[in-house]
N, C-alpha and C. Protein backbone atom coordinates (compact mmCIF):
# COMPACT_ATOMS: atom_id res chain seq x y z
N MET A 1 -0.76 193.04 208.65
CA MET A 1 0.27 192.62 209.94
C MET A 1 -0.92 191.90 210.62
N THR A 2 -0.05 190.76 211.34
CA THR A 2 -0.96 189.97 212.87
C THR A 2 -0.75 190.57 213.59
N SER A 3 -1.96 190.23 215.00
CA SER A 3 -0.77 190.65 216.03
C SER A 3 -1.04 189.61 216.60
N GLU A 4 -0.15 189.90 217.82
CA GLU A 4 0.36 188.69 218.68
C GLU A 4 -0.27 188.42 220.07
N PRO A 5 -1.03 187.52 220.27
CA PRO A 5 -1.41 187.29 221.34
C PRO A 5 -0.30 187.91 222.77
N PRO A 6 -1.21 188.36 223.80
CA PRO A 6 -0.22 188.84 224.87
C PRO A 6 -0.08 187.82 225.56
N ILE A 7 1.21 187.53 226.05
CA ILE A 7 1.87 186.77 226.39
C ILE A 7 2.56 187.62 228.07
N ASP A 8 2.14 187.02 229.20
CA ASP A 8 2.86 187.71 230.13
C ASP A 8 3.86 186.71 230.28
N ASP A 9 4.67 187.43 231.67
CA ASP A 9 6.03 186.89 232.01
C ASP A 9 5.47 185.43 232.96
N VAL A 10 4.42 185.26 233.66
CA VAL A 10 4.15 183.68 233.89
C VAL A 10 3.80 182.85 232.95
N SER A 11 3.15 183.00 231.71
CA SER A 11 2.89 182.55 230.39
C SER A 11 4.51 182.18 229.67
N ARG A 12 4.80 182.81 229.54
CA ARG A 12 6.48 182.61 228.87
C ARG A 12 7.56 181.56 230.29
N ALA A 13 7.28 181.77 231.21
CA ALA A 13 7.96 180.57 232.18
C ALA A 13 7.05 179.37 232.14
N ILE A 14 5.52 179.34 232.13
CA ILE A 14 5.32 178.06 231.60
C ILE A 14 5.52 177.12 230.47
N VAL A 15 5.69 178.34 228.86
CA VAL A 15 6.19 178.05 228.35
C VAL A 15 7.63 177.15 228.08
N GLU A 16 8.72 178.37 228.44
CA GLU A 16 10.03 177.44 228.92
C GLU A 16 10.31 176.09 229.42
N VAL A 17 9.52 175.94 230.54
CA VAL A 17 9.39 174.14 230.98
C VAL A 17 9.44 173.83 230.51
N LEU A 18 7.88 173.78 229.95
CA LEU A 18 7.53 173.07 228.80
C LEU A 18 8.66 172.55 227.57
N GLN A 19 9.18 173.36 227.43
CA GLN A 19 9.80 173.48 226.29
C GLN A 19 10.83 172.52 226.62
N ALA A 20 11.44 172.48 227.93
CA ALA A 20 12.52 171.87 228.67
C ALA A 20 11.34 170.01 228.57
N ASP A 21 11.07 170.26 229.15
CA ASP A 21 9.99 168.71 229.52
C ASP A 21 8.77 168.83 229.39
N GLY A 22 7.85 168.37 227.97
CA GLY A 22 6.59 168.96 227.60
C GLY A 22 6.04 167.84 228.86
N ARG A 23 6.69 166.73 229.82
CA ARG A 23 6.33 165.89 230.04
C ARG A 23 5.45 166.26 232.26
N THR A 24 6.59 167.98 232.39
CA THR A 24 6.22 167.93 233.64
C THR A 24 4.82 168.57 234.08
N SER A 25 4.83 168.24 234.70
CA SER A 25 2.48 168.19 235.39
C SER A 25 2.71 169.23 235.85
N TYR A 26 0.82 169.61 235.92
CA TYR A 26 0.68 170.63 236.56
C TYR A 26 1.14 171.11 237.93
N ALA A 27 1.28 170.00 238.74
CA ALA A 27 1.66 170.52 240.14
C ALA A 27 3.40 171.05 240.08
N ALA A 28 4.24 170.51 239.25
CA ALA A 28 5.46 171.15 239.36
C ALA A 28 5.64 172.00 238.30
N LEU A 29 4.52 172.24 237.64
CA LEU A 29 4.38 173.72 237.00
C LEU A 29 4.15 174.91 237.62
N SER A 30 3.53 174.34 238.43
CA SER A 30 2.87 175.49 239.35
C SER A 30 3.34 175.66 240.76
N GLN A 31 4.86 175.27 240.96
CA GLN A 31 5.53 175.52 242.00
C GLN A 31 6.45 176.28 241.48
N GLN A 32 7.03 175.88 240.10
CA GLN A 32 8.27 176.60 239.50
C GLN A 32 7.51 178.48 238.99
N VAL A 33 6.16 178.36 238.96
CA VAL A 33 5.53 179.55 238.29
C VAL A 33 4.93 180.53 239.58
N GLY A 34 4.70 180.08 240.30
CA GLY A 34 3.92 180.49 241.19
C GLY A 34 2.40 180.73 241.51
N LEU A 35 1.85 179.86 240.94
CA LEU A 35 0.73 179.48 241.00
C LEU A 35 -0.22 178.84 241.08
N SER A 36 -1.70 178.23 241.43
CA SER A 36 -2.20 177.20 242.07
C SER A 36 -2.15 176.52 240.39
N GLU A 37 -2.43 174.76 241.08
CA GLU A 37 -2.31 173.90 239.74
C GLU A 37 -3.38 174.17 238.96
N ALA A 38 -4.82 174.60 239.29
CA ALA A 38 -5.89 174.85 238.88
C ALA A 38 -5.44 176.00 237.24
N ALA A 39 -4.96 176.74 238.21
CA ALA A 39 -4.35 178.25 237.66
C ALA A 39 -3.75 177.79 236.33
N VAL A 40 -2.43 176.74 236.72
CA VAL A 40 -1.68 176.84 235.99
C VAL A 40 -2.52 175.60 234.61
N ARG A 41 -3.09 175.05 234.99
CA ARG A 41 -4.02 174.13 234.07
C ARG A 41 -4.51 175.08 232.82
N GLN A 42 -5.91 175.94 233.95
CA GLN A 42 -6.14 176.98 232.45
C GLN A 42 -5.54 177.49 231.56
N ARG A 43 -4.15 178.15 232.45
CA ARG A 43 -3.02 178.79 231.29
C ARG A 43 -3.02 177.77 230.01
N VAL A 44 -2.08 176.90 230.87
CA VAL A 44 -1.79 175.72 229.14
C VAL A 44 -2.72 175.81 228.28
N GLN A 45 -4.42 175.00 229.09
CA GLN A 45 -4.92 175.32 228.16
C GLN A 45 -5.62 176.32 227.09
N ARG A 46 -5.51 177.25 227.41
CA ARG A 46 -5.64 178.63 227.33
C ARG A 46 -4.50 178.96 225.80
N LEU A 47 -2.88 178.73 226.70
CA LEU A 47 -2.04 178.73 225.92
C LEU A 47 -1.54 177.73 224.54
N VAL A 48 -2.60 176.39 224.50
CA VAL A 48 -2.94 175.58 223.58
C VAL A 48 -4.31 176.16 222.51
N ALA A 49 -5.32 176.35 222.93
CA ALA A 49 -6.40 176.65 222.79
C ALA A 49 -5.79 177.86 221.49
N ASP A 50 -5.37 178.92 221.89
CA ASP A 50 -4.57 180.35 221.34
C ASP A 50 -4.15 179.98 220.21
N GLY A 51 -3.49 178.60 220.23
CA GLY A 51 -2.15 178.51 219.03
C GLY A 51 -0.79 179.16 219.59
N VAL A 52 -0.62 179.34 221.08
CA VAL A 52 0.77 180.03 221.11
C VAL A 52 1.46 178.65 220.80
N MET A 53 1.34 177.71 221.75
CA MET A 53 1.90 176.25 221.67
C MET A 53 1.10 175.19 221.25
N GLN A 54 1.98 174.07 221.68
CA GLN A 54 1.40 172.87 220.97
C GLN A 54 2.70 171.74 222.43
N VAL A 55 1.92 170.66 223.05
CA VAL A 55 2.64 169.78 223.78
C VAL A 55 2.28 168.34 223.04
N VAL A 56 3.19 168.10 222.33
CA VAL A 56 3.57 167.03 222.02
C VAL A 56 4.85 166.09 222.05
N ALA A 57 4.81 164.74 221.60
CA ALA A 57 5.97 163.76 221.18
C ALA A 57 7.23 164.23 220.17
N VAL A 58 7.81 164.56 220.26
CA VAL A 58 8.73 164.87 218.98
C VAL A 58 9.70 163.72 219.21
N THR A 59 9.67 163.08 217.62
CA THR A 59 9.81 161.69 217.42
C THR A 59 11.78 161.92 216.82
N ASN A 60 12.14 161.08 217.27
CA ASN A 60 13.57 160.61 215.39
C ASN A 60 13.59 160.33 214.54
N PRO A 61 13.07 160.64 213.14
CA PRO A 61 12.56 159.93 211.88
C PRO A 61 13.33 158.49 211.69
N MET A 62 14.92 158.91 212.37
CA MET A 62 15.51 157.58 211.89
C MET A 62 14.95 156.53 212.74
N GLN A 63 14.63 157.21 214.06
CA GLN A 63 14.22 155.37 214.80
C GLN A 63 12.72 155.25 214.76
N MET A 64 11.37 155.92 213.49
CA MET A 64 10.89 155.84 213.33
C MET A 64 10.73 155.17 211.89
N GLY A 65 12.23 155.03 211.62
CA GLY A 65 12.03 154.05 209.97
C GLY A 65 12.44 154.88 209.02
N PHE A 66 12.40 156.10 208.73
CA PHE A 66 12.32 157.11 208.18
C PHE A 66 14.00 157.45 208.07
N HIS A 67 14.74 156.40 206.94
CA HIS A 67 15.87 156.93 207.25
C HIS A 67 16.33 157.99 205.63
N ARG A 68 15.53 158.55 205.44
CA ARG A 68 15.66 160.14 204.33
C ARG A 68 15.23 160.69 204.68
N GLN A 69 15.42 161.84 205.09
CA GLN A 69 14.57 163.47 205.21
C GLN A 69 15.46 164.10 204.33
N ALA A 70 14.23 165.10 203.38
CA ALA A 70 14.79 166.73 202.52
C ALA A 70 14.13 167.57 202.92
N MET A 71 14.82 168.74 202.37
CA MET A 71 13.97 169.82 201.80
C MET A 71 13.49 169.74 201.21
N VAL A 72 12.42 170.04 200.22
CA VAL A 72 12.08 170.36 198.85
C VAL A 72 11.49 172.14 198.43
N ALA A 73 12.77 172.61 197.78
CA ALA A 73 12.38 173.98 197.31
C ALA A 73 11.55 173.66 196.19
N ILE A 74 10.27 174.78 196.12
CA ILE A 74 9.34 174.46 194.99
C ILE A 74 9.11 175.98 194.49
N THR A 75 9.19 175.59 192.64
CA THR A 75 9.02 177.10 191.87
C THR A 75 7.57 176.87 191.86
N VAL A 76 6.38 177.82 191.71
CA VAL A 76 5.45 177.26 191.17
C VAL A 76 5.00 178.49 190.22
N ARG A 77 3.96 177.57 189.44
CA ARG A 77 3.49 178.34 188.25
C ARG A 77 1.93 178.68 188.83
N GLY A 78 1.68 179.94 188.86
CA GLY A 78 0.16 180.56 189.12
C GLY A 78 -0.01 181.09 190.55
N PRO A 79 -1.41 180.09 191.33
CA PRO A 79 -0.96 180.96 192.62
C PRO A 79 -0.14 179.68 193.16
N VAL A 80 0.37 180.34 194.53
CA VAL A 80 1.06 179.16 195.63
C VAL A 80 -0.08 178.75 196.77
N PRO A 81 -0.64 179.29 196.82
CA PRO A 81 -1.28 178.62 197.57
C PRO A 81 -2.07 177.14 197.68
N PRO A 82 -3.04 177.02 196.09
CA PRO A 82 -3.31 175.61 196.44
C PRO A 82 -2.40 174.51 196.17
N VAL A 83 -1.17 175.03 195.92
CA VAL A 83 -0.19 174.11 195.66
C VAL A 83 0.30 173.49 197.12
N ALA A 84 0.07 174.51 197.87
CA ALA A 84 1.05 174.38 199.64
C ALA A 84 -0.25 173.69 200.70
N GLU A 85 -1.27 174.04 200.19
CA GLU A 85 -2.78 173.24 200.22
C GLU A 85 -2.53 171.67 200.13
N ALA A 86 -2.39 171.52 198.81
CA ALA A 86 -1.92 170.09 198.60
C ALA A 86 -1.01 169.33 198.75
N LEU A 87 0.23 170.13 199.17
CA LEU A 87 1.58 169.40 199.84
C LEU A 87 0.84 169.02 201.31
N VAL A 88 0.55 169.76 202.12
CA VAL A 88 -0.53 169.34 203.19
C VAL A 88 -0.99 168.38 203.05
N GLY A 89 -1.37 167.99 202.45
CA GLY A 89 -2.65 167.02 202.84
C GLY A 89 -1.41 165.87 202.14
N LEU A 90 -0.49 165.65 201.62
CA LEU A 90 0.44 164.65 201.88
C LEU A 90 1.36 163.98 202.78
N ASP A 91 1.04 162.82 203.43
CA ASP A 91 1.30 162.57 205.05
C ASP A 91 2.90 162.48 204.58
N ALA A 92 3.62 162.27 204.46
CA ALA A 92 4.84 162.37 203.84
C ALA A 92 5.75 164.01 204.08
N VAL A 93 5.14 164.87 203.87
CA VAL A 93 5.35 166.05 204.23
C VAL A 93 5.03 166.69 205.54
N ILE A 94 6.30 166.77 206.34
CA ILE A 94 5.67 167.42 207.42
C ILE A 94 5.79 168.95 208.06
N TYR A 95 6.47 169.60 206.74
CA TYR A 95 6.58 170.84 206.93
C TYR A 95 6.51 171.66 205.98
N VAL A 96 5.11 172.89 205.42
CA VAL A 96 5.00 173.74 204.81
C VAL A 96 4.84 175.02 205.34
N VAL A 97 6.30 175.79 204.17
CA VAL A 97 6.34 177.38 204.36
C VAL A 97 6.13 177.87 203.18
N LEU A 98 5.24 178.98 202.83
CA LEU A 98 5.52 179.80 201.80
C LEU A 98 6.50 180.99 201.96
N VAL A 99 7.18 180.66 201.05
CA VAL A 99 8.66 182.02 201.27
C VAL A 99 8.52 183.06 199.91
N ALA A 100 9.43 184.05 200.87
CA ALA A 100 9.98 184.56 199.18
C ALA A 100 11.19 184.65 198.98
N GLY A 101 11.73 184.82 197.53
CA GLY A 101 12.78 184.93 197.00
C GLY A 101 12.86 183.88 195.93
N GLY A 102 14.29 182.78 195.81
CA GLY A 102 13.90 182.04 194.17
C GLY A 102 12.88 181.23 194.54
N PHE A 103 12.21 180.40 195.37
CA PHE A 103 11.17 179.80 195.54
C PHE A 103 9.96 179.85 196.19
N ASP A 104 9.08 179.70 195.52
CA ASP A 104 7.92 180.09 196.18
C ASP A 104 7.39 179.26 197.65
N ILE A 105 7.85 177.71 197.84
CA ILE A 105 8.02 177.09 199.04
C ILE A 105 8.67 176.20 199.20
N LEU A 106 8.99 175.65 200.27
CA LEU A 106 9.47 174.85 201.10
C LEU A 106 9.00 174.02 201.90
N CYS A 107 9.40 172.44 201.62
CA CYS A 107 8.72 171.48 202.48
C CYS A 107 9.81 170.85 202.72
N GLU A 108 9.86 170.21 204.42
CA GLU A 108 10.05 169.11 204.52
C GLU A 108 9.43 167.73 204.45
N VAL A 109 10.00 166.90 204.17
CA VAL A 109 9.61 165.85 204.01
C VAL A 109 10.43 164.27 204.64
N VAL A 110 9.91 163.78 204.75
CA VAL A 110 10.28 161.74 205.47
C VAL A 110 9.85 161.13 204.50
N ALA A 111 11.10 159.91 204.46
CA ALA A 111 10.68 158.68 203.51
C ALA A 111 11.81 157.50 204.02
N ARG A 112 10.93 156.16 204.00
CA ARG A 112 11.53 155.43 204.63
C ARG A 112 13.05 155.06 203.58
N ASN A 113 13.56 155.48 202.69
CA ASN A 113 14.36 155.24 201.79
C ASN A 113 14.92 155.61 200.52
N ASP A 114 15.49 155.95 199.70
CA ASP A 114 15.50 156.42 198.35
C ASP A 114 14.27 156.36 197.62
N ASP A 115 13.85 155.16 197.55
CA ASP A 115 13.55 154.45 196.43
C ASP A 115 11.94 155.65 196.82
N GLU A 116 11.36 155.66 198.59
CA GLU A 116 10.13 156.08 198.62
C GLU A 116 10.03 157.85 198.26
N LEU A 117 11.13 158.25 198.24
CA LEU A 117 11.72 159.68 198.40
C LEU A 117 11.67 159.65 197.08
N LEU A 118 12.06 158.87 196.29
CA LEU A 118 12.15 159.19 194.30
C LEU A 118 10.43 158.68 194.22
N ASP A 119 9.58 158.19 194.41
CA ASP A 119 8.44 157.92 194.32
C ASP A 119 7.37 159.19 194.51
N LEU A 120 7.97 159.95 195.58
CA LEU A 120 6.94 160.80 196.48
C LEU A 120 7.42 161.97 195.68
N LEU A 121 9.22 162.56 195.32
CA LEU A 121 8.59 163.63 194.54
C LEU A 121 8.41 163.41 192.98
N SER A 122 8.88 162.17 192.19
CA SER A 122 8.28 161.99 190.89
C SER A 122 6.58 161.67 190.61
N SER A 123 6.00 161.00 191.48
CA SER A 123 4.60 161.09 191.58
C SER A 123 3.28 161.62 191.85
N ARG A 124 3.59 162.34 193.31
CA ARG A 124 3.39 163.00 194.20
C ARG A 124 3.15 164.44 194.15
N ILE A 125 4.57 164.99 194.10
CA ILE A 125 4.65 166.60 194.66
C ILE A 125 5.00 166.99 193.27
N ARG A 126 5.60 166.15 192.21
CA ARG A 126 5.87 167.32 190.66
C ARG A 126 4.58 166.96 189.85
N THR A 127 3.69 166.39 189.98
CA THR A 127 2.01 165.79 189.80
C THR A 127 1.80 166.74 190.03
N ILE A 128 1.86 167.85 191.30
CA ILE A 128 0.73 168.78 191.75
C ILE A 128 -0.01 169.65 191.21
N PRO A 129 -1.01 169.56 190.31
CA PRO A 129 -0.53 171.39 188.88
C PRO A 129 -0.48 172.72 190.14
N GLY A 130 0.47 173.45 189.09
CA GLY A 130 1.28 174.67 189.33
C GLY A 130 2.35 174.47 189.60
N VAL A 131 2.80 173.24 190.14
CA VAL A 131 4.53 173.25 190.24
C VAL A 131 5.03 172.93 189.19
N GLU A 132 6.54 173.95 189.02
CA GLU A 132 7.09 173.99 188.12
C GLU A 132 8.38 173.59 188.04
N SER A 133 8.94 173.76 189.01
CA SER A 133 10.55 173.10 189.51
C SER A 133 10.62 172.50 190.55
N THR A 134 11.25 171.59 191.25
CA THR A 134 11.87 171.76 192.43
C THR A 134 13.01 171.22 192.81
N GLN A 135 13.22 171.39 193.71
CA GLN A 135 14.81 171.55 194.17
C GLN A 135 15.03 170.44 195.15
N THR A 136 15.43 169.78 195.30
CA THR A 136 15.19 168.58 196.80
C THR A 136 17.04 168.55 197.23
N LEU A 137 17.01 168.76 198.60
CA LEU A 137 18.23 169.17 199.45
C LEU A 137 18.11 168.08 200.54
N THR A 138 19.09 167.14 200.21
CA THR A 138 18.69 165.74 201.37
C THR A 138 19.62 165.76 202.10
N TYR A 139 19.17 165.28 202.91
CA TYR A 139 19.57 166.03 204.61
C TYR A 139 21.29 163.95 204.66
N LEU A 140 22.02 165.05 205.48
CA LEU A 140 22.70 163.88 205.66
C LEU A 140 23.55 163.86 206.74
N LYS A 141 22.80 164.44 207.79
CA LYS A 141 23.01 164.38 209.19
C LYS A 141 22.16 165.68 210.04
N LEU A 142 21.78 165.43 211.10
CA LEU A 142 20.98 166.69 211.40
C LEU A 142 22.19 166.90 212.43
N ALA A 143 22.55 168.31 212.92
CA ALA A 143 23.54 168.76 213.75
C ALA A 143 22.75 169.69 214.42
N LYS A 144 21.53 170.01 213.92
CA LYS A 144 20.80 170.85 215.72
C LYS A 144 19.38 170.59 215.48
N GLN A 145 18.98 170.39 216.33
CA GLN A 145 16.85 170.52 216.18
C GLN A 145 16.89 170.90 217.52
N THR A 146 16.08 171.94 217.79
CA THR A 146 15.48 172.62 219.16
C THR A 146 14.47 173.43 219.27
N TYR A 147 13.80 173.22 219.93
CA TYR A 147 12.26 173.74 219.94
C TYR A 147 12.02 174.42 221.35
N ALA A 148 13.68 174.67 221.75
CA ALA A 148 13.70 175.61 223.24
C ALA A 148 13.64 177.22 222.21
N TRP A 149 13.14 177.61 222.29
CA TRP A 149 12.99 179.21 221.55
C TRP A 149 11.88 180.09 221.53
N GLY A 150 11.83 181.21 221.67
CA GLY A 150 11.18 182.16 221.79
C GLY A 150 10.10 182.25 223.04
N ALA A 151 10.85 181.64 223.90
CA ALA A 151 9.54 182.20 225.08
C ALA A 151 10.24 183.24 226.08
N GLY A 152 11.69 182.98 226.16
CA GLY A 152 13.09 183.79 227.11
C GLY A 152 13.15 185.32 226.63
């Protein structure tokens, strides 16, 4: 069992503000959480360095030219970690998680179109040594996507 990094109320407040708007300045953060700008800068840097959070631009894949998204459920024959590592190395794979249940790995993929998705599945994912089978769940419509969780 891994231990969680200690997160106090001030750090949680910083995370909550940045989840709402990752472009919030250190000056604005300092006013909202009651610390000096320098102290807030140090907190943010420590939260990032400790892997508690990332401050990134979240894109809309459709607006970036990726008109096909899917979740691929994978059953592995043999050790799972080498298959996961191979998936991590594919640019079109944007999320990889090892799971328990009927599948061993779930990975989210993006493609420009159906032909690119077919090529990714047939030529890249299914040819990874250890991949026994895949089930592809193609996204039709995004109903909800949020990153404002875990701090409050």
